[in-house]
Amino acid sequence: MLQNTATVSIEANEMARARQLVAAISRRFEAKVVGQARLRETLLIALLTGGHVLLESVPGLAKTTAAQAVAESVSADFRRIQCTPDLLPSDIAGTQIYDAAKGTFITQLGPVHANVVLLDEINRSSAKTQSAMLEAMQERQTSIGGQTHPLPAPFLVLATQNPIEQEGTYRLPEAQMDRFMLKDVLDYPDPAEEAEIIRRIDAGVYSPAQQLPAAVSLDAVLEAQELVRRIYIDPAIVRYIVGIAYVTRNAAQYLDPRLASLVEFGASPRASIAFSQAARALALLNGRDHVIPEDVKNLAHRILRHRVVLGFDAVVENVRVETVIDAVLASVQTP
């Protein structure tokens, strides 16, 4: 059942505090990261919804810097995990260590017990290790030695993967891909932005000594997350969201036969839930207390590109999943 479609009153001072929080985090992000405006928006949406993000790009496009900038701006505990084929589930979740002095086992929590966790090159870890993240991402807890340990709030996973280098990698299963609210694909900076990056390096902007105090508190982030849940979404837009997901699962009935034949699997109901949550956050980022259809359209690529599965013929014909998503949007009437 979809929730919070009824009108909820949001006070002007609550919106003002949310705008101040967004502006403060954005300033800190822009001080560290050159360009990448869509990445900033994606990370803010994830932070405001408690969703997780899959980032795809070649190395060197500031994914780690961006994650650190967001974490530092809200005084969050940040951990980076470099995924390798020999990484074990216990290296992420934690393990029990025998204390000889006391004659008992003690629990040592793993690096996933942080507010912001960066899983660098997640597709380099084995399937067993990837599956260890499912409980953490979905249930917000880990199980160690038969005991569950809750993860801190807010909790945000940013996973990266390199689309070029595939040797020694393990394909992410659809079940895990679906746990990511958004998937963003990063582009190279333009020449002016690349020159600005070099200037900032020469100026020592990225030096540890240049680290600034947090711009906002974690409590303020939790307050903003609660506000996002109260953003109004009209039943007509809910039907629009569900219609988009439905078309991806029944492409043959709505899309051009050539494109429809390329779709093997459509989006699950998690896509509709992600649309609803992310659209509310995007409305808040734009200073509105209600969702509009353009919010849904702006999020379509990021929510569906890892959920709509294309067959081998799409690779042969060089058809990108974004082309299919655009056709899906064109087939559903905008409210």
Protein backbone atom coordinates (compact mmCIF):
# COMPACT_ATOMS: atom_id res chain seq x y z
CA MET A 1 0.00 0.00 0.00
CA LEU A 2 1.36 3.43 -0.94
CA GLN A 3 1.43 5.85 1.93
CA ASN A 4 1.38 9.57 2.56
CA THR A 5 -0.71 10.59 -0.44
CA ALA A 6 -2.98 12.70 1.75
CA THR A 7 -2.34 16.37 2.26
CA VAL A 8 0.11 16.98 5.10
CA SER A 9 0.76 20.46 6.41
CA ILE A 10 4.40 21.50 6.36
CA GLU A 11 5.26 24.68 8.20
CA ALA A 12 7.22 27.44 6.48
CA ASN A 13 9.95 27.31 9.11
CA GLU A 14 10.41 23.57 8.48
CA MET A 15 10.92 24.20 4.76
CA ALA A 16 13.31 27.03 5.59
CA ARG A 17 15.44 24.75 7.78
CA ALA A 18 15.47 22.11 5.05
CA ARG A 19 16.59 24.65 2.46
CA GLN A 20 19.38 25.80 4.78
CA LEU A 21 20.52 22.19 5.25
CA VAL A 22 20.54 21.52 1.51
CA ALA A 23 22.39 24.78 0.82
CA ALA A 24 25.02 24.06 3.48
CA ILE A 25 25.73 20.56 2.19
CA SER A 26 25.78 21.80 -1.41
CA ARG A 27 28.34 24.49 -0.59
CA ARG A 28 30.62 21.96 1.08
CA PHE A 29 30.22 19.58 -1.86
CA GLU A 30 31.03 22.27 -4.40
CA ALA A 31 34.08 23.34 -2.39
CA LYS A 32 35.55 19.86 -2.83
CA VAL A 33 34.06 18.59 -6.10
CA VAL A 34 34.25 20.48 -9.39
CA GLY A 35 31.09 20.20 -11.50
CA GLN A 36 29.15 16.92 -11.10
CA ALA A 37 25.88 18.74 -10.28
CA ARG A 38 23.79 15.64 -10.99
CA LEU A 39 25.99 13.57 -8.67
CA ARG A 40 25.46 16.15 -5.93
CA GLU A 41 21.70 15.91 -6.45
CA THR A 42 21.84 12.09 -6.43
CA LEU A 43 23.79 11.98 -3.16
CA LEU A 44 21.45 14.51 -1.53
CA ILE A 45 18.41 12.47 -2.58
CA ALA A 46 20.00 9.35 -1.10
CA LEU A 47 20.89 11.16 2.12
CA LEU A 48 17.36 12.55 2.51
CA THR A 49 15.65 9.22 1.83
CA GLY A 50 18.06 6.73 3.36
CA GLY A 51 18.43 5.06 -0.03
CA HIS A 52 21.59 3.58 -1.55
CA VAL A 53 23.43 4.61 -4.71
CA LEU A 54 25.33 2.68 -7.37
CA LEU A 55 27.84 4.86 -9.21
CA GLU A 56 29.29 3.76 -12.53
CA SER A 57 32.27 5.47 -14.10
CA VAL A 58 35.89 5.06 -15.03
CA PRO A 59 38.39 5.78 -12.22
CA GLY A 60 39.34 9.34 -11.36
CA LEU A 61 35.96 11.09 -11.49
CA ALA A 62 35.84 12.10 -7.80
CA LYS A 63 33.47 9.42 -6.51
CA THR A 64 35.43 8.96 -3.28
CA THR A 65 35.92 12.70 -2.88
CA ALA A 66 32.19 13.28 -3.37
CA ALA A 67 31.25 10.66 -0.76
CA GLN A 68 33.74 12.09 1.73
CA ALA A 69 32.50 15.63 1.11
CA VAL A 70 28.90 14.66 1.90
CA ALA A 71 29.93 12.69 5.00
CA GLU A 72 32.14 15.47 6.34
CA SER A 73 29.46 18.09 5.78
CA VAL A 74 27.03 16.31 8.12
CA SER A 75 29.59 15.05 10.69
CA ALA A 76 28.94 11.47 9.58
CA ASP A 77 31.18 8.50 10.23
CA PHE A 78 32.70 7.58 6.84
CA ARG A 79 34.28 4.28 5.83
CA ARG A 80 35.77 3.23 2.50
CA ILE A 81 35.99 -0.46 1.64
CA GLN A 82 38.17 -1.45 -1.31
CA CYS A 83 36.53 -4.55 -2.76
CA THR A 84 38.83 -7.33 -3.97
CA PRO A 85 38.23 -10.98 -4.93
CA ASP A 86 39.64 -12.20 -1.60
CA LEU A 87 37.45 -9.91 0.53
CA LEU A 88 35.40 -11.93 3.02
CA PRO A 89 31.92 -11.14 4.40
CA SER A 90 33.44 -10.82 7.87
CA ASP A 91 35.78 -8.12 6.53
CA ILE A 92 32.68 -6.01 5.93
CA ALA A 93 30.17 -6.96 8.61
CA GLY A 94 32.55 -7.88 11.43
CA THR A 95 33.57 -11.00 13.32
CA GLN A 96 34.12 -12.50 16.75
CA ILE A 97 37.62 -12.59 18.22
CA TYR A 98 38.71 -14.79 21.09
CA ASP A 99 39.97 -12.83 24.11
CA ALA A 100 42.47 -15.19 25.79
CA ALA A 101 42.70 -13.02 28.89
CA LYS A 102 38.96 -13.23 29.58
CA GLY A 103 38.39 -16.63 27.97
CA THR A 104 35.47 -15.29 25.92
CA PHE A 105 34.72 -14.15 22.40
CA ILE A 106 34.30 -10.43 21.76
CA THR A 107 32.52 -8.92 18.78
CA GLN A 108 34.49 -6.62 16.51
CA LEU A 109 32.19 -4.64 14.26
CA GLY A 110 33.22 -4.23 10.63
CA PRO A 111 33.53 -1.03 8.58
CA VAL A 112 29.92 -1.28 7.38
CA HIS A 113 28.93 0.07 10.81
CA ALA A 114 29.20 3.70 9.71
CA ASN A 115 26.85 6.39 8.48
CA VAL A 116 28.32 6.58 4.97
CA VAL A 117 29.96 3.50 3.49
CA LEU A 118 31.78 3.60 0.14
CA LEU A 119 32.12 0.17 -1.49
CA ASP A 120 34.77 0.86 -4.11
CA GLU A 121 34.58 -1.43 -7.17
CA ILE A 122 31.88 -3.61 -5.65
CA ASN A 123 31.91 -5.89 -8.69
CA ARG A 124 35.43 -7.02 -7.76
CA SER A 125 34.15 -8.76 -4.63
CA SER A 126 32.86 -12.33 -4.80
CA ALA A 127 29.16 -13.17 -4.91
CA LYS A 128 29.35 -14.40 -1.30
CA THR A 129 30.74 -11.06 -0.15
CA GLN A 130 28.24 -9.10 -2.23
CA SER A 131 25.40 -11.04 -0.61
CA ALA A 132 26.72 -10.08 2.83
CA MET A 133 25.72 -6.51 2.02
CA LEU A 134 22.08 -7.43 1.36
CA GLU A 135 21.14 -7.65 5.03
CA ALA A 136 22.96 -4.42 5.83
CA MET A 137 21.36 -2.52 2.95
CA GLN A 138 17.83 -3.86 3.38
CA GLU A 139 17.49 -4.62 7.11
CA ARG A 140 19.90 -1.94 8.40
CA GLN A 141 21.62 -4.52 10.59
CA THR A 142 24.33 -7.17 10.54
CA SER A 143 24.38 -10.66 12.08
CA ILE A 144 27.58 -11.70 13.84
CA GLY A 145 27.83 -14.85 15.92
CA GLY A 146 24.06 -15.29 16.00
CA GLN A 147 23.44 -11.75 17.27
CA THR A 148 22.11 -8.81 15.30
CA HIS A 149 23.76 -5.42 15.47
CA PRO A 150 21.81 -2.37 14.24
CA LEU A 151 23.53 0.06 11.90
CA PRO A 152 23.71 3.75 12.74
CA ALA A 153 21.20 6.26 11.40
CA PRO A 154 21.38 7.75 8.88
CA PHE A 155 22.93 4.89 6.89
CA LEU A 156 23.95 5.29 3.25
CA VAL A 157 25.81 2.88 0.96
CA LEU A 158 27.60 4.23 -2.11
CA ALA A 159 28.92 1.46 -4.36
CA THR A 160 31.07 2.04 -7.42
CA GLN A 161 31.85 -0.12 -10.40
CA ASN A 162 34.13 0.32 -13.40
CA PRO A 163 32.28 -0.40 -16.69
CA ILE A 164 35.48 -0.79 -18.71
CA GLU A 165 37.73 -3.21 -16.84
CA GLN A 166 35.83 -6.49 -16.46
CA GLU A 167 38.66 -8.97 -15.84
CA GLY A 168 38.48 -10.41 -12.33
CA THR A 169 35.01 -9.02 -11.65
CA TYR A 170 31.72 -10.61 -10.58
CA ARG A 171 28.46 -9.42 -12.08
CA LEU A 172 26.07 -7.99 -9.50
CA PRO A 173 22.93 -10.15 -9.19
CA GLU A 174 19.59 -8.51 -9.95
CA ALA A 175 18.48 -9.02 -6.34
CA GLN A 176 21.30 -6.80 -5.11
CA MET A 177 20.99 -4.27 -7.93
CA ASP A 178 17.37 -3.77 -6.91
CA ARG A 179 18.49 -2.73 -3.41
CA PHE A 180 20.08 0.41 -4.84
CA MET A 181 17.56 3.22 -5.05
CA LEU A 182 19.51 5.08 -7.74
CA LYS A 183 22.18 4.31 -10.30
CA ASP A 184 24.11 7.25 -11.68
CA VAL A 185 26.59 7.20 -14.55
CA LEU A 186 29.28 9.88 -14.29
CA ASP A 187 30.76 11.78 -17.22
CA TYR A 188 34.21 13.25 -17.76
CA PRO A 189 34.63 16.91 -16.74
CA ASP A 190 34.86 19.50 -19.49
CA PRO A 191 38.26 21.24 -20.08
CA ALA A 192 37.43 24.24 -17.85
CA GLU A 193 36.39 21.97 -14.98
CA GLU A 194 39.50 19.83 -15.38
CA ALA A 195 41.67 22.94 -15.22
CA GLU A 196 39.87 24.01 -12.04
CA ILE A 197 40.60 20.62 -10.48
CA ILE A 198 44.32 21.12 -11.09
CA ARG A 199 44.15 24.65 -9.67
CA ARG A 200 42.49 23.38 -6.49
CA ILE A 201 45.09 20.63 -6.07
CA ASP A 202 47.87 23.21 -6.40
CA ALA A 203 46.09 25.42 -3.86
CA GLY A 204 45.96 22.56 -1.34
CA VAL A 205 42.15 22.35 -1.25
CA TYR A 206 42.27 18.58 -0.82
CA SER A 207 44.90 18.58 1.90
CA PRO A 208 43.76 16.98 5.21
CA ALA A 209 44.75 20.22 6.91
CA GLN A 210 42.04 22.00 4.90
CA GLN A 211 39.21 19.90 6.37
CA LEU A 212 36.40 22.17 7.58
CA PRO A 213 34.02 21.57 10.50
CA ALA A 214 30.67 19.94 9.75
CA ALA A 215 28.09 22.23 8.17
CA VAL A 216 25.04 20.52 9.73
CA SER A 217 24.41 17.86 12.36
CA LEU A 218 23.22 14.30 11.92
CA ASP A 219 20.11 15.20 13.90
CA ALA A 220 19.31 17.83 11.27
CA VAL A 221 19.62 15.17 8.57
CA LEU A 222 17.23 12.87 10.43
CA GLU A 223 14.79 15.78 10.80
CA ALA A 224 15.00 16.43 7.06
CA GLN A 225 14.37 12.73 6.35
CA GLU A 226 11.19 12.93 8.39
CA LEU A 227 10.16 16.05 6.47
CA VAL A 228 10.68 14.26 3.14
CA ARG A 229 8.21 11.57 4.20
CA ARG A 230 5.60 14.32 4.65
CA ILE A 231 6.01 15.81 1.17
CA TYR A 232 2.67 15.54 -0.65
CA ILE A 233 2.36 13.23 -3.65
CA ASP A 234 -0.93 13.32 -5.51
CA PRO A 235 -2.73 10.03 -6.29
CA ALA A 236 -2.54 10.93 -10.00
CA ILE A 237 1.27 11.00 -9.79
CA VAL A 238 1.24 7.70 -7.89
CA ARG A 239 -0.74 6.19 -10.77
CA TYR A 240 1.79 7.74 -13.19
CA ILE A 241 4.67 6.09 -11.31
CA VAL A 242 2.93 2.70 -11.21
CA GLY A 243 2.10 3.03 -14.90
CA ILE A 244 5.75 3.55 -15.80
CA ALA A 245 6.79 0.44 -13.87
CA TYR A 246 3.92 -1.52 -15.42
CA VAL A 247 4.98 -0.64 -18.97
CA THR A 248 8.52 -1.88 -18.33
CA ARG A 249 7.03 -5.26 -17.36
CA ASN A 250 4.64 -5.34 -20.34
CA ALA A 251 6.76 -3.66 -22.99
CA ALA A 252 5.29 -5.66 -25.88
CA GLN A 253 1.89 -4.02 -25.34
CA TYR A 254 3.11 -0.42 -25.33
CA LEU A 255 6.49 0.01 -27.03
CA ASP A 256 7.71 -0.27 -30.59
CA PRO A 257 8.13 -4.00 -31.33
CA ARG A 258 11.86 -3.57 -32.02
CA LEU A 259 12.50 -1.97 -28.62
CA ALA A 260 10.05 -4.22 -26.79
CA SER A 261 11.86 -7.32 -28.04
CA LEU A 262 15.04 -6.12 -26.32
CA VAL A 263 13.48 -6.01 -22.84
CA GLU A 264 13.97 -9.25 -20.91
CA PHE A 265 12.81 -8.11 -17.48
CA GLY A 266 11.04 -4.98 -16.27
CA ALA A 267 11.22 -3.08 -13.01
CA SER A 268 9.95 -4.60 -9.76
CA PRO A 269 7.62 -2.78 -7.33
CA ARG A 270 10.78 -1.52 -5.62
CA ALA A 271 11.10 0.85 -8.58
CA SER A 272 7.69 2.39 -7.80
CA ILE A 273 8.66 2.75 -4.13
CA ALA A 274 11.98 4.33 -5.13
CA PHE A 275 10.18 6.76 -7.47
CA SER A 276 7.84 7.81 -4.67
CA GLN A 277 10.60 8.35 -2.11
CA ALA A 278 13.12 9.97 -4.43
CA ALA A 279 10.54 12.27 -6.02
CA ARG A 280 9.63 13.60 -2.57
CA ALA A 281 13.29 14.30 -1.86
CA LEU A 282 13.76 16.01 -5.22
CA ALA A 283 10.72 18.19 -4.54
CA LEU A 284 12.28 19.23 -1.24
CA LEU A 285 15.60 19.99 -2.94
CA ASN A 286 13.68 22.30 -5.26
CA GLY A 287 11.93 24.04 -2.35
CA ARG A 288 8.49 22.49 -2.87
CA ASP A 289 6.21 20.66 -0.44
CA HIS A 290 4.64 18.60 -3.24
CA VAL A 291 5.76 16.34 -6.07
CA ILE A 292 5.23 17.27 -9.72
CA PRO A 293 5.47 14.98 -12.80
CA GLU A 294 8.80 16.53 -13.82
CA ASP A 295 10.33 15.16 -10.60
CA VAL A 296 9.43 11.65 -11.73
CA LYS A 297 10.77 12.23 -15.25
CA ASN A 298 14.05 13.67 -13.95
CA LEU A 299 14.60 10.53 -11.88
CA ALA A 300 13.59 7.95 -14.49
CA HIS A 301 17.06 7.12 -15.79
CA ARG A 302 18.60 6.90 -12.32
CA ILE A 303 15.84 4.65 -10.96
CA LEU A 304 15.25 2.37 -13.96
CA ARG A 305 18.63 1.94 -15.71
CA HIS A 306 19.69 -0.86 -13.34
CA ARG A 307 16.23 -2.41 -13.08
CA VAL A 308 15.23 -2.73 -16.73
CA VAL A 309 17.22 -5.70 -18.04
CA LEU A 310 17.96 -5.80 -21.77
CA GLY A 311 18.93 -8.91 -23.72
CA PHE A 312 22.02 -9.64 -25.76
CA ASP A 313 20.41 -8.23 -28.91
CA ALA A 314 20.53 -4.77 -27.31
CA VAL A 315 24.32 -5.06 -27.09
CA VAL A 316 24.53 -6.20 -30.71
CA GLU A 317 22.32 -3.35 -31.91
CA ASN A 318 24.05 -0.84 -29.58
CA VAL A 319 20.77 0.17 -27.92
CA ARG A 320 21.26 1.78 -24.53
CA VAL A 321 18.84 1.15 -21.70
CA GLU A 322 18.19 4.91 -21.47
CA THR A 323 16.68 4.76 -24.97
CA VAL A 324 14.17 2.15 -23.79
CA ILE A 325 13.40 4.18 -20.65
CA ASP A 326 12.68 7.28 -22.76
CA ALA A 327 10.30 5.22 -24.89
CA VAL A 328 8.56 3.98 -21.74
CA LEU A 329 8.08 7.56 -20.50
CA ALA A 330 6.70 8.61 -23.89
CA SER A 331 4.12 5.78 -23.76
CA VAL A 332 2.66 6.81 -20.38
CA GLN A 333 0.40 9.85 -20.24
CA THR A 334 1.72 12.61 -18.00
CA PRO A 335 -0.84 13.71 -15.38
